[in-house]
Amino acid sequence: MKKLCSLVFALCLAAGVFAQDAVLMPLQAGDTITNTGTSSKVLAVTSGPSGVYLQAIFNKLSGTGAGTAQLQGSLDGVNYVNIGSAYTITNVTTQTTTFSIVAPVPKYLKVLNTGSGTESVQVRYWYRAPKYQAP
């Protein structure tokens, strides 16, 4: 039985069954947009991925949800530039958006959330960064 399990595991690895799944980033203090304030989450990209996919989930805790979420990139972790268009946060209980970028990927990615109302909106992030595979 042990040999059978080892064989199945080896075959799964060879077939790529254990591809990277999406990862939920831990919730931390500051992951809530309050009124006209900001919140952000930075992802340091170190594995040479073929692209990065970030999903932001906005859960309204109270008030009137409003504002924007903008993906930004940086090479030094200090100076960020916008990547693509901003997502508009609206007044619903739960909403989600996905940001994606293909190689070459900056060393740091940040989602900057800016509130524009009287609100409390918690933001959770999932990401996936599949490694580049040569053809």
Protein backbone atom coordinates (compact mmCIF):
# COMPACT_ATOMS: atom_id res chain seq x y z
CA MET A 1 0.00 0.00 0.00
CA LYS A 2 2.87 2.35 0.88
CA LYS A 3 4.43 1.79 -2.56
CA LEU A 4 1.07 2.45 -4.25
CA CYS A 5 0.67 5.77 -2.42
CA SER A 6 4.22 6.79 -3.37
CA LEU A 7 3.57 5.89 -7.00
CA VAL A 8 0.31 7.91 -7.10
CA PHE A 9 2.06 10.90 -5.49
CA ALA A 10 4.92 10.74 -8.05
CA LEU A 11 2.46 10.50 -10.95
CA CYS A 12 0.51 13.50 -9.63
CA LEU A 13 3.70 15.56 -9.41
CA ALA A 14 4.67 14.58 -12.94
CA ALA A 15 1.23 15.53 -14.22
CA GLY A 16 1.27 18.92 -12.48
CA VAL A 17 -1.72 18.13 -10.26
CA PHE A 18 -0.22 20.08 -7.38
CA ALA A 19 -0.17 23.45 -9.19
CA GLN A 20 -0.07 26.56 -7.01
CA ASP A 21 -3.43 27.41 -5.54
CA ALA A 22 -4.63 30.86 -4.58
CA VAL A 23 -3.41 32.08 -1.19
CA LEU A 24 -5.48 34.11 1.26
CA MET A 25 -3.36 36.87 2.77
CA PRO A 26 -3.79 37.15 6.56
CA LEU A 27 -6.13 39.85 7.83
CA GLN A 28 -4.21 42.55 9.71
CA ALA A 29 -4.86 45.80 11.49
CA GLY A 30 -5.23 48.45 8.81
CA ASP A 31 -7.12 46.23 6.36
CA THR A 32 -10.23 48.35 6.87
CA ILE A 33 -11.11 51.50 4.93
CA THR A 34 -12.52 54.03 7.40
CA ASN A 35 -14.39 57.08 6.11
CA THR A 36 -12.12 59.05 3.74
CA GLY A 37 -8.97 57.23 4.86
CA THR A 38 -6.83 54.74 3.01
CA SER A 39 -5.74 51.16 3.45
CA SER A 40 -3.27 49.14 1.43
CA LYS A 41 -1.73 45.71 1.12
CA VAL A 42 1.72 45.08 -0.36
CA LEU A 43 2.78 41.83 -2.00
CA ALA A 44 6.53 41.27 -2.49
CA VAL A 45 6.96 39.20 -5.65
CA THR A 46 10.04 36.97 -5.41
CA SER A 47 9.44 33.81 -7.45
CA GLY A 48 9.71 35.08 -11.05
CA PRO A 49 6.06 34.45 -11.87
CA SER A 50 4.50 34.51 -15.32
CA GLY A 51 1.87 36.83 -13.88
CA VAL A 52 0.11 37.78 -10.66
CA TYR A 53 -3.59 37.70 -10.00
CA LEU A 54 -4.94 39.60 -6.98
CA GLN A 55 -8.54 39.41 -5.83
CA ALA A 56 -9.83 42.00 -3.37
CA ILE A 57 -13.05 41.27 -1.46
CA PHE A 58 -14.74 44.29 0.11
CA ASN A 59 -17.14 43.64 3.02
CA LYS A 60 -19.09 46.68 4.21
CA LEU A 61 -19.20 46.72 8.00
CA SER A 62 -21.14 49.97 8.40
CA GLY A 63 -21.94 53.29 6.76
CA THR A 64 -22.07 54.05 3.04
CA GLY A 65 -19.37 52.28 1.06
CA ALA A 66 -17.64 54.41 -1.58
CA GLY A 67 -14.17 55.00 -2.97
CA THR A 68 -11.60 53.32 -5.18
CA ALA A 69 -9.10 50.46 -5.23
CA GLN A 70 -6.01 50.89 -7.39
CA LEU A 71 -3.29 48.34 -8.26
CA GLN A 72 0.20 49.87 -8.12
CA GLY A 73 3.67 48.55 -8.85
CA SER A 74 7.16 49.42 -7.63
CA LEU A 75 10.74 48.26 -8.14
CA ASP A 76 12.05 49.74 -4.86
CA GLY A 77 9.05 49.39 -2.53
CA VAL A 78 8.90 53.16 -2.02
CA ASN A 79 7.88 54.79 -5.30
CA TYR A 80 4.68 53.30 -6.75
CA VAL A 81 2.93 53.89 -10.08
CA ASN A 82 -0.63 52.99 -11.04
CA ILE A 83 -1.19 49.87 -13.11
CA GLY A 84 -4.40 49.89 -15.11
CA SER A 85 -7.66 51.50 -14.05
CA ALA A 86 -9.00 51.97 -10.55
CA TYR A 87 -11.95 49.88 -9.33
CA THR A 88 -14.91 51.83 -7.91
CA ILE A 89 -16.15 50.69 -4.51
CA THR A 90 -19.94 50.99 -4.22
CA ASN A 91 -22.49 50.82 -1.43
CA VAL A 92 -23.23 47.08 -1.37
CA THR A 93 -22.65 44.53 1.39
CA THR A 94 -19.99 42.49 -0.44
CA GLN A 95 -18.19 43.08 -3.73
CA THR A 96 -15.05 41.81 -5.36
CA THR A 97 -12.62 42.71 -8.09
CA THR A 98 -9.61 41.04 -9.63
CA PHE A 99 -6.41 42.74 -10.70
CA SER A 100 -3.99 40.93 -12.99
CA ILE A 101 -0.58 41.65 -14.45
CA VAL A 102 1.58 39.51 -16.74
CA ALA A 103 5.38 39.24 -16.88
CA PRO A 104 7.47 41.19 -16.37
CA VAL A 105 6.04 41.70 -12.88
CA PRO A 106 7.35 44.50 -10.62
CA LYS A 107 9.08 43.42 -7.41
CA TYR A 108 6.31 44.96 -5.28
CA LEU A 109 2.58 45.14 -5.94
CA LYS A 110 0.24 47.20 -3.81
CA VAL A 111 -3.52 47.64 -3.77
CA LEU A 112 -4.28 51.15 -2.49
CA ASN A 113 -7.85 51.64 -1.27
CA THR A 114 -9.18 55.15 -0.76
CA GLY A 115 -12.53 55.80 0.91
CA SER A 116 -14.80 58.68 -0.03
CA GLY A 117 -17.75 58.39 2.33
CA THR A 118 -18.70 57.63 5.90
CA GLU A 119 -17.86 53.98 5.90
CA SER A 120 -16.12 51.03 7.44
CA VAL A 121 -15.17 48.48 4.76
CA GLN A 122 -12.96 45.49 5.49
CA VAL A 123 -10.76 44.23 2.63
CA ARG A 124 -9.48 40.64 2.23
CA TYR A 125 -6.98 39.63 -0.46
CA TRP A 126 -6.31 36.41 -2.37
CA TYR A 127 -3.39 36.10 -4.76
CA ARG A 128 -1.95 33.61 -7.21
CA ALA A 129 1.46 33.88 -8.87
CA PRO A 130 2.13 30.88 -11.14
CA LYS A 131 5.78 30.33 -12.00
CA TYR A 132 6.96 30.94 -15.54
CA GLN A 133 7.35 27.76 -17.59
CA ALA A 134 9.45 27.76 -20.74
CA PRO A 135 7.65 26.45 -23.84
